Amino acid sequence: MTQIYEQRTIAAPPERVFAWLLDPANLTVSPWFRKATWLDSSGPAVGATRELRGFGFWVHEQITAYDSPRSCSYQVVDGFPPVHQNGMLTCTPSAKGTHVDWVSGYTIPPRGGGKMLEILSAPLMRSFAFRAILAGCAKALES
């Protein structure tokens, strides 16, 4: 399993940071995603599923744990190419605002490209997805 860990301190209260990061529409600040939405329009809650679409891929992420404004866990329940992924987002108050920790682990089955694709995709996902989203959050909330 490939692990990605990204962190950033954002000069805004945890409630605002958490809400921004859980709104799928905001995930499109990443060049990795071109469309993101809740599938059932219910918003963030345990069992809610969001769809993320990019160039040549899509995933359905389902929220498995939700403790606003502190943490949220999710897992990929469907997608193309096939991938087994889970993640956790944690927002902790800090002297400078909110410290965000984002951990994600994923495995790509052999029929989807396997370990080689995991190795090649990890730096791209870190930069163009996780880091870009946290930078977008900081830009939106700190200005």
N, C-alpha and C. Protein backbone atom coordinates (compact mmCIF):
# COMPACT_ATOMS: atom_id res chain seq x y z
N MET A 1 0.84 -1.17 0.00
CA MET A 1 0.00 0.00 0.00
C MET A 1 0.88 1.23 0.00
N THR A 2 0.56 2.18 -0.86
CA THR A 2 1.28 3.44 -0.93
C THR A 2 0.62 4.43 0.02
N GLN A 3 1.42 5.12 0.83
CA GLN A 3 0.91 6.10 1.79
C GLN A 3 1.31 7.50 1.34
N ILE A 4 0.36 8.41 1.44
CA ILE A 4 0.63 9.82 1.18
C ILE A 4 0.27 10.58 2.44
N TYR A 5 1.17 11.46 2.87
CA TYR A 5 0.92 12.29 4.04
C TYR A 5 1.21 13.72 3.65
N GLU A 6 0.25 14.59 3.85
CA GLU A 6 0.43 16.01 3.56
C GLU A 6 -0.10 16.79 4.76
N GLN A 7 0.56 17.89 5.08
CA GLN A 7 0.12 18.72 6.20
C GLN A 7 0.31 20.19 5.86
N ARG A 8 -0.48 21.02 6.52
CA ARG A 8 -0.36 22.46 6.31
C ARG A 8 -1.10 23.17 7.44
N THR A 9 -0.57 24.31 7.85
CA THR A 9 -1.29 25.15 8.80
C THR A 9 -1.94 26.27 8.01
N ILE A 10 -3.23 26.46 8.25
CA ILE A 10 -4.03 27.45 7.52
C ILE A 10 -4.54 28.47 8.53
N ALA A 11 -4.34 29.76 8.23
CA ALA A 11 -4.72 30.85 9.13
C ALA A 11 -6.22 31.11 9.06
N ALA A 12 -6.97 30.17 9.60
CA ALA A 12 -8.43 30.27 9.66
C ALA A 12 -8.91 29.30 10.74
N PRO A 13 -10.10 29.53 11.29
CA PRO A 13 -10.60 28.63 12.33
C PRO A 13 -10.91 27.23 11.80
N PRO A 14 -10.80 26.21 12.65
CA PRO A 14 -11.05 24.83 12.21
C PRO A 14 -12.41 24.63 11.54
N GLU A 15 -13.44 25.30 12.03
CA GLU A 15 -14.78 25.14 11.45
C GLU A 15 -14.80 25.53 9.98
N ARG A 16 -14.15 26.63 9.65
CA ARG A 16 -14.12 27.10 8.25
C ARG A 16 -13.25 26.19 7.39
N VAL A 17 -12.09 25.79 7.91
CA VAL A 17 -11.17 24.92 7.16
C VAL A 17 -11.84 23.58 6.88
N PHE A 18 -12.41 22.98 7.91
CA PHE A 18 -13.05 21.68 7.77
C PHE A 18 -14.20 21.75 6.76
N ALA A 19 -15.05 22.76 6.89
CA ALA A 19 -16.19 22.91 5.96
C ALA A 19 -15.70 23.08 4.53
N TRP A 20 -14.65 23.87 4.34
CA TRP A 20 -14.13 24.10 2.99
C TRP A 20 -13.59 22.79 2.40
N LEU A 21 -12.82 22.05 3.18
CA LEU A 21 -12.22 20.82 2.68
C LEU A 21 -13.25 19.72 2.41
N LEU A 22 -14.38 19.75 3.11
CA LEU A 22 -15.41 18.71 2.91
C LEU A 22 -16.40 19.07 1.81
N ASP A 23 -16.33 20.28 1.28
CA ASP A 23 -17.21 20.67 0.18
C ASP A 23 -16.58 20.18 -1.13
N PRO A 24 -17.19 19.19 -1.79
CA PRO A 24 -16.57 18.63 -3.00
C PRO A 24 -16.27 19.65 -4.08
N ALA A 25 -17.09 20.68 -4.20
CA ALA A 25 -16.86 21.68 -5.24
C ALA A 25 -15.49 22.33 -5.09
N ASN A 26 -15.00 22.46 -3.87
CA ASN A 26 -13.70 23.08 -3.64
C ASN A 26 -12.53 22.20 -4.07
N LEU A 27 -12.75 20.90 -4.18
CA LEU A 27 -11.67 19.99 -4.57
C LEU A 27 -11.21 20.23 -6.00
N THR A 28 -12.02 20.93 -6.79
CA THR A 28 -11.63 21.20 -8.18
C THR A 28 -10.57 22.30 -8.28
N VAL A 29 -10.09 22.84 -7.16
CA VAL A 29 -8.93 23.73 -7.22
C VAL A 29 -7.71 22.92 -7.64
N SER A 30 -7.79 21.62 -7.47
CA SER A 30 -6.73 20.72 -7.90
C SER A 30 -6.83 20.48 -9.40
N PRO A 31 -5.71 20.56 -10.11
CA PRO A 31 -5.76 20.23 -11.54
C PRO A 31 -6.07 18.75 -11.78
N TRP A 32 -6.01 17.94 -10.73
CA TRP A 32 -6.27 16.51 -10.82
C TRP A 32 -7.75 16.24 -11.05
N PHE A 33 -8.63 17.11 -10.48
CA PHE A 33 -10.08 16.89 -10.55
C PHE A 33 -10.74 17.95 -11.42
N ARG A 34 -11.64 17.52 -12.30
CA ARG A 34 -12.39 18.49 -13.10
C ARG A 34 -13.82 18.64 -12.62
N LYS A 35 -14.31 17.67 -11.84
CA LYS A 35 -15.67 17.74 -11.31
C LYS A 35 -15.72 16.95 -10.00
N ALA A 36 -16.45 17.51 -9.02
CA ALA A 36 -16.63 16.82 -7.74
C ALA A 36 -17.98 17.23 -7.17
N THR A 37 -18.73 16.25 -6.69
CA THR A 37 -20.06 16.52 -6.17
C THR A 37 -20.51 15.42 -5.22
N TRP A 38 -21.48 15.73 -4.35
CA TRP A 38 -22.11 14.70 -3.53
C TRP A 38 -23.06 13.93 -4.42
N LEU A 39 -23.05 12.63 -4.34
CA LEU A 39 -23.95 11.81 -5.15
C LEU A 39 -25.39 11.88 -4.67
N ASP A 40 -25.57 12.01 -3.37
CA ASP A 40 -26.92 11.97 -2.83
C ASP A 40 -27.41 13.32 -2.30
N SER A 41 -26.67 14.38 -2.53
CA SER A 41 -27.03 15.75 -2.11
C SER A 41 -27.22 15.92 -0.61
N SER A 42 -26.80 14.97 0.18
CA SER A 42 -27.01 15.08 1.62
C SER A 42 -25.90 15.85 2.33
N GLY A 43 -24.80 16.06 1.67
CA GLY A 43 -23.67 16.72 2.31
C GLY A 43 -22.88 15.77 3.18
N PRO A 44 -21.88 16.29 3.88
CA PRO A 44 -20.99 15.41 4.63
C PRO A 44 -21.66 14.78 5.85
N ALA A 45 -21.59 13.47 5.90
CA ALA A 45 -22.10 12.67 7.02
C ALA A 45 -21.63 11.24 6.79
N VAL A 46 -21.63 10.44 7.82
CA VAL A 46 -21.25 9.03 7.65
C VAL A 46 -22.19 8.39 6.64
N GLY A 47 -21.61 7.72 5.66
CA GLY A 47 -22.38 7.06 4.61
C GLY A 47 -22.56 7.89 3.35
N ALA A 48 -22.34 9.20 3.44
CA ALA A 48 -22.46 10.06 2.25
C ALA A 48 -21.34 9.72 1.27
N THR A 49 -21.64 9.84 -0.02
CA THR A 49 -20.66 9.50 -1.06
C THR A 49 -20.47 10.68 -1.99
N ARG A 50 -19.20 10.99 -2.26
CA ARG A 50 -18.90 12.04 -3.23
C ARG A 50 -18.25 11.40 -4.44
N GLU A 51 -18.52 12.00 -5.59
CA GLU A 51 -17.92 11.53 -6.83
C GLU A 51 -16.88 12.54 -7.28
N LEU A 52 -15.69 12.05 -7.58
CA LEU A 52 -14.59 12.87 -8.09
C LEU A 52 -14.25 12.38 -9.48
N ARG A 53 -14.20 13.32 -10.44
CA ARG A 53 -13.87 12.96 -11.82
C ARG A 53 -12.66 13.77 -12.27
N GLY A 54 -11.77 13.06 -12.96
CA GLY A 54 -10.61 13.71 -13.54
C GLY A 54 -10.45 13.22 -14.96
N PHE A 55 -9.33 13.52 -15.54
CA PHE A 55 -9.08 13.10 -16.92
C PHE A 55 -8.69 11.63 -16.93
N GLY A 56 -9.60 10.79 -17.39
CA GLY A 56 -9.34 9.36 -17.50
C GLY A 56 -9.64 8.55 -16.25
N PHE A 57 -10.25 9.16 -15.24
CA PHE A 57 -10.57 8.40 -14.03
C PHE A 57 -11.78 9.00 -13.33
N TRP A 58 -12.37 8.19 -12.47
CA TRP A 58 -13.41 8.65 -11.54
C TRP A 58 -13.39 7.76 -10.31
N VAL A 59 -13.79 8.32 -9.17
CA VAL A 59 -13.90 7.54 -7.94
C VAL A 59 -15.14 7.98 -7.16
N HIS A 60 -15.67 7.06 -6.40
CA HIS A 60 -16.72 7.34 -5.42
C HIS A 60 -16.10 7.13 -4.05
N GLU A 61 -16.03 8.21 -3.28
CA GLU A 61 -15.48 8.16 -1.92
C GLU A 61 -16.64 8.24 -0.93
N GLN A 62 -16.67 7.28 -0.02
CA GLN A 62 -17.74 7.25 0.99
C GLN A 62 -17.16 7.62 2.35
N ILE A 63 -17.86 8.51 3.06
CA ILE A 63 -17.42 8.91 4.39
C ILE A 63 -17.71 7.78 5.37
N THR A 64 -16.66 7.38 6.09
CA THR A 64 -16.79 6.27 7.05
C THR A 64 -16.79 6.74 8.50
N ALA A 65 -16.28 7.94 8.76
CA ALA A 65 -16.30 8.54 10.10
C ALA A 65 -16.34 10.05 9.91
N TYR A 66 -17.11 10.73 10.75
CA TYR A 66 -17.29 12.17 10.59
C TYR A 66 -17.44 12.81 11.96
N ASP A 67 -16.50 13.69 12.32
CA ASP A 67 -16.51 14.38 13.60
C ASP A 67 -16.18 15.85 13.35
N SER A 68 -17.15 16.59 12.86
CA SER A 68 -16.96 18.00 12.50
C SER A 68 -16.72 18.82 13.76
N PRO A 69 -15.77 19.76 13.74
CA PRO A 69 -14.83 20.12 12.68
C PRO A 69 -13.45 19.51 12.88
N ARG A 70 -13.38 18.33 13.46
CA ARG A 70 -12.09 17.73 13.80
C ARG A 70 -11.55 16.73 12.80
N SER A 71 -12.37 15.78 12.36
CA SER A 71 -11.82 14.74 11.50
C SER A 71 -12.88 14.11 10.62
N CYS A 72 -12.39 13.50 9.57
CA CYS A 72 -13.24 12.79 8.62
C CYS A 72 -12.41 11.68 8.00
N SER A 73 -12.99 10.50 7.92
CA SER A 73 -12.34 9.37 7.24
C SER A 73 -13.20 8.96 6.06
N TYR A 74 -12.55 8.42 5.04
CA TYR A 74 -13.28 8.02 3.84
C TYR A 74 -12.60 6.81 3.21
N GLN A 75 -13.35 6.14 2.33
CA GLN A 75 -12.78 5.05 1.55
C GLN A 75 -13.39 5.09 0.15
N VAL A 76 -12.61 4.66 -0.82
CA VAL A 76 -13.11 4.55 -2.19
C VAL A 76 -13.93 3.28 -2.27
N VAL A 77 -15.18 3.42 -2.72
CA VAL A 77 -16.08 2.26 -2.82
C VAL A 77 -16.32 1.84 -4.27
N ASP A 78 -15.90 2.68 -5.22
CA ASP A 78 -16.06 2.36 -6.63
C ASP A 78 -15.17 3.30 -7.42
N GLY A 79 -14.80 2.91 -8.63
CA GLY A 79 -14.02 3.81 -9.46
C GLY A 79 -13.38 3.14 -10.64
N PHE A 80 -12.80 3.98 -11.49
CA PHE A 80 -12.05 3.53 -12.65
C PHE A 80 -10.86 4.46 -12.83
N PRO A 81 -9.66 3.91 -13.01
CA PRO A 81 -9.34 2.49 -12.89
C PRO A 81 -9.56 2.03 -11.45
N PRO A 82 -9.67 0.72 -11.27
CA PRO A 82 -9.94 0.21 -9.92
C PRO A 82 -8.82 0.57 -8.95
N VAL A 83 -9.20 0.97 -7.76
CA VAL A 83 -8.22 1.33 -6.73
C VAL A 83 -8.85 1.05 -5.37
N HIS A 84 -8.02 0.65 -4.43
CA HIS A 84 -8.45 0.48 -3.04
C HIS A 84 -7.79 1.61 -2.27
N GLN A 85 -8.59 2.55 -1.77
CA GLN A 85 -8.03 3.73 -1.11
C GLN A 85 -8.84 4.07 0.12
N ASN A 86 -8.14 4.59 1.13
CA ASN A 86 -8.80 5.15 2.30
C ASN A 86 -8.00 6.36 2.74
N GLY A 87 -8.63 7.23 3.48
CA GLY A 87 -7.94 8.43 3.92
C GLY A 87 -8.55 9.00 5.18
N MET A 88 -7.80 9.90 5.80
CA MET A 88 -8.28 10.59 6.98
C MET A 88 -7.76 12.02 6.97
N LEU A 89 -8.66 12.92 7.23
CA LEU A 89 -8.37 14.35 7.29
C LEU A 89 -8.60 14.79 8.73
N THR A 90 -7.61 15.45 9.33
CA THR A 90 -7.72 15.91 10.72
C THR A 90 -7.40 17.39 10.79
N CYS A 91 -8.27 18.15 11.45
CA CYS A 91 -8.07 19.59 11.64
C CYS A 91 -7.91 19.86 13.13
N THR A 92 -6.75 20.42 13.50
CA THR A 92 -6.44 20.68 14.90
C THR A 92 -6.19 22.17 15.10
N PRO A 93 -6.86 22.79 16.09
CA PRO A 93 -6.59 24.21 16.35
C PRO A 93 -5.12 24.41 16.70
N SER A 94 -4.56 25.51 16.19
CA SER A 94 -3.17 25.85 16.51
C SER A 94 -3.09 27.36 16.73
N ALA A 95 -1.95 27.82 17.22
CA ALA A 95 -1.77 29.24 17.48
C ALA A 95 -1.92 30.07 16.21
N LYS A 96 -1.64 29.47 15.07
CA LYS A 96 -1.71 30.20 13.80
C LYS A 96 -2.97 29.88 13.01
N GLY A 97 -3.93 29.19 13.61
CA GLY A 97 -5.17 28.86 12.89
C GLY A 97 -5.53 27.41 13.05
N THR A 98 -5.38 26.66 11.97
CA THR A 98 -5.74 25.24 11.96
C THR A 98 -4.63 24.44 11.31
N HIS A 99 -4.17 23.42 12.02
CA HIS A 99 -3.19 22.51 11.43
C HIS A 99 -3.95 21.34 10.82
N VAL A 100 -3.73 21.11 9.52
CA VAL A 100 -4.41 20.04 8.80
C VAL A 100 -3.42 18.91 8.53
N ASP A 101 -3.82 17.70 8.90
CA ASP A 101 -3.07 16.49 8.55
C ASP A 101 -3.96 15.67 7.63
N TRP A 102 -3.42 15.26 6.50
CA TRP A 102 -4.18 14.47 5.54
C TRP A 102 -3.36 13.23 5.20
N VAL A 103 -3.88 12.08 5.54
CA VAL A 103 -3.21 10.81 5.29
C VAL A 103 -4.09 9.98 4.37
N SER A 104 -3.48 9.40 3.35
CA SER A 104 -4.23 8.55 2.42
C SER A 104 -3.36 7.37 2.03
N GLY A 105 -3.96 6.21 1.99
CA GLY A 105 -3.26 5.01 1.55
C GLY A 105 -4.03 4.38 0.40
N TYR A 106 -3.31 3.90 -0.59
CA TYR A 106 -4.01 3.28 -1.71
C TYR A 106 -3.20 2.14 -2.31
N THR A 107 -3.94 1.21 -2.88
CA THR A 107 -3.38 0.08 -3.59
C THR A 107 -4.08 -0.01 -4.93
N ILE A 108 -3.30 -0.15 -5.98
CA ILE A 108 -3.86 -0.34 -7.31
C ILE A 108 -3.70 -1.82 -7.66
N PRO A 109 -4.80 -2.51 -7.93
CA PRO A 109 -4.70 -3.93 -8.27
C PRO A 109 -3.89 -4.15 -9.55
N PRO A 110 -3.30 -5.32 -9.72
CA PRO A 110 -2.50 -5.60 -10.91
C PRO A 110 -3.23 -5.29 -12.22
N ARG A 111 -4.53 -5.59 -12.30
CA ARG A 111 -5.26 -5.33 -13.54
C ARG A 111 -5.41 -3.84 -13.84
N GLY A 112 -5.17 -2.99 -12.82
CA GLY A 112 -5.28 -1.54 -13.00
C GLY A 112 -3.92 -0.86 -13.13
N GLY A 113 -2.85 -1.61 -13.13
CA GLY A 113 -1.51 -1.03 -13.24
C GLY A 113 -0.59 -1.43 -12.11
N GLY A 114 -1.16 -1.88 -10.99
CA GLY A 114 -0.38 -2.43 -9.90
C GLY A 114 0.63 -1.51 -9.26
N LYS A 115 1.62 -2.13 -8.64
CA LYS A 115 2.63 -1.42 -7.86
C LYS A 115 3.38 -0.37 -8.70
N MET A 116 3.64 -0.68 -9.97
CA MET A 116 4.36 0.28 -10.81
C MET A 116 3.58 1.59 -10.93
N LEU A 117 2.27 1.50 -11.15
CA LEU A 117 1.45 2.71 -11.26
C LEU A 117 1.36 3.43 -9.91
N GLU A 118 1.34 2.69 -8.82
CA GLU A 118 1.36 3.31 -7.49
C GLU A 118 2.62 4.16 -7.33
N ILE A 119 3.76 3.60 -7.68
CA ILE A 119 5.04 4.31 -7.54
C ILE A 119 5.07 5.56 -8.41
N LEU A 120 4.57 5.44 -9.63
CA LEU A 120 4.57 6.58 -10.54
C LEU A 120 3.56 7.65 -10.15
N SER A 121 2.42 7.23 -9.60
CA SER A 121 1.35 8.18 -9.32
C SER A 121 1.48 8.90 -7.98
N ALA A 122 2.19 8.33 -7.02
CA ALA A 122 2.26 8.92 -5.67
C ALA A 122 2.76 10.37 -5.67
N PRO A 123 3.89 10.69 -6.32
CA PRO A 123 4.34 12.08 -6.29
C PRO A 123 3.36 13.02 -7.00
N LEU A 124 2.72 12.52 -8.05
CA LEU A 124 1.74 13.35 -8.77
C LEU A 124 0.52 13.61 -7.90
N MET A 125 0.02 12.57 -7.23
CA MET A 125 -1.13 12.74 -6.35
C MET A 125 -0.80 13.68 -5.20
N ARG A 126 0.38 13.55 -4.64
CA ARG A 126 0.78 14.42 -3.53
C ARG A 126 0.78 15.88 -3.97
N SER A 127 1.37 16.16 -5.12
CA SER A 127 1.48 17.55 -5.58
C SER A 127 0.18 18.09 -6.16
N PHE A 128 -0.40 17.35 -7.10
CA PHE A 128 -1.54 17.88 -7.85
C PHE A 128 -2.89 17.67 -7.18
N ALA A 129 -2.96 16.81 -6.18
CA ALA A 129 -4.23 16.62 -5.47
C ALA A 129 -4.11 17.18 -4.05
N PHE A 130 -3.45 16.49 -3.16
CA PHE A 130 -3.43 16.86 -1.75
C PHE A 130 -2.82 18.24 -1.51
N ARG A 131 -1.62 18.48 -2.00
CA ARG A 131 -0.96 19.76 -1.78
C ARG A 131 -1.72 20.90 -2.44
N ALA A 132 -2.22 20.67 -3.66
CA ALA A 132 -2.97 21.71 -4.38
C ALA A 132 -4.27 22.06 -3.66
N ILE A 133 -4.95 21.06 -3.11
CA ILE A 133 -6.20 21.32 -2.40
C ILE A 133 -5.94 22.11 -1.12
N LEU A 134 -4.91 21.73 -0.36
CA LEU A 134 -4.60 22.48 0.86
C LEU A 134 -4.16 23.90 0.53
N ALA A 135 -3.42 24.09 -0.55
CA ALA A 135 -3.02 25.44 -0.97
C ALA A 135 -4.26 26.24 -1.38
N GLY A 136 -5.18 25.61 -2.08
CA GLY A 136 -6.42 26.28 -2.48
C GLY A 136 -7.24 26.69 -1.28
N CYS A 137 -7.29 25.85 -0.27
CA CYS A 137 -8.01 26.16 0.97
C CYS A 137 -7.37 27.37 1.65
N ALA A 138 -6.05 27.37 1.75
CA ALA A 138 -5.35 28.49 2.36
C ALA A 138 -5.62 29.78 1.59
N LYS A 139 -5.55 29.71 0.28
CA LYS A 139 -5.78 30.90 -0.55
C LYS A 139 -7.21 31.43 -0.36
N ALA A 140 -8.17 30.54 -0.32
CA ALA A 140 -9.57 30.95 -0.18
C ALA A 140 -9.88 31.53 1.20
N LEU A 141 -9.31 30.95 2.24
CA LEU A 141 -9.68 31.34 3.60
C LEU A 141 -8.76 32.37 4.24
N GLU A 142 -7.55 32.50 3.74
CA GLU A 142 -6.61 33.45 4.34
C GLU A 142 -6.68 34.82 3.68
N SER A 143 -7.36 34.93 2.55
CA SER A 143 -7.38 36.23 1.86
C SER A 143 -8.56 37.08 2.28
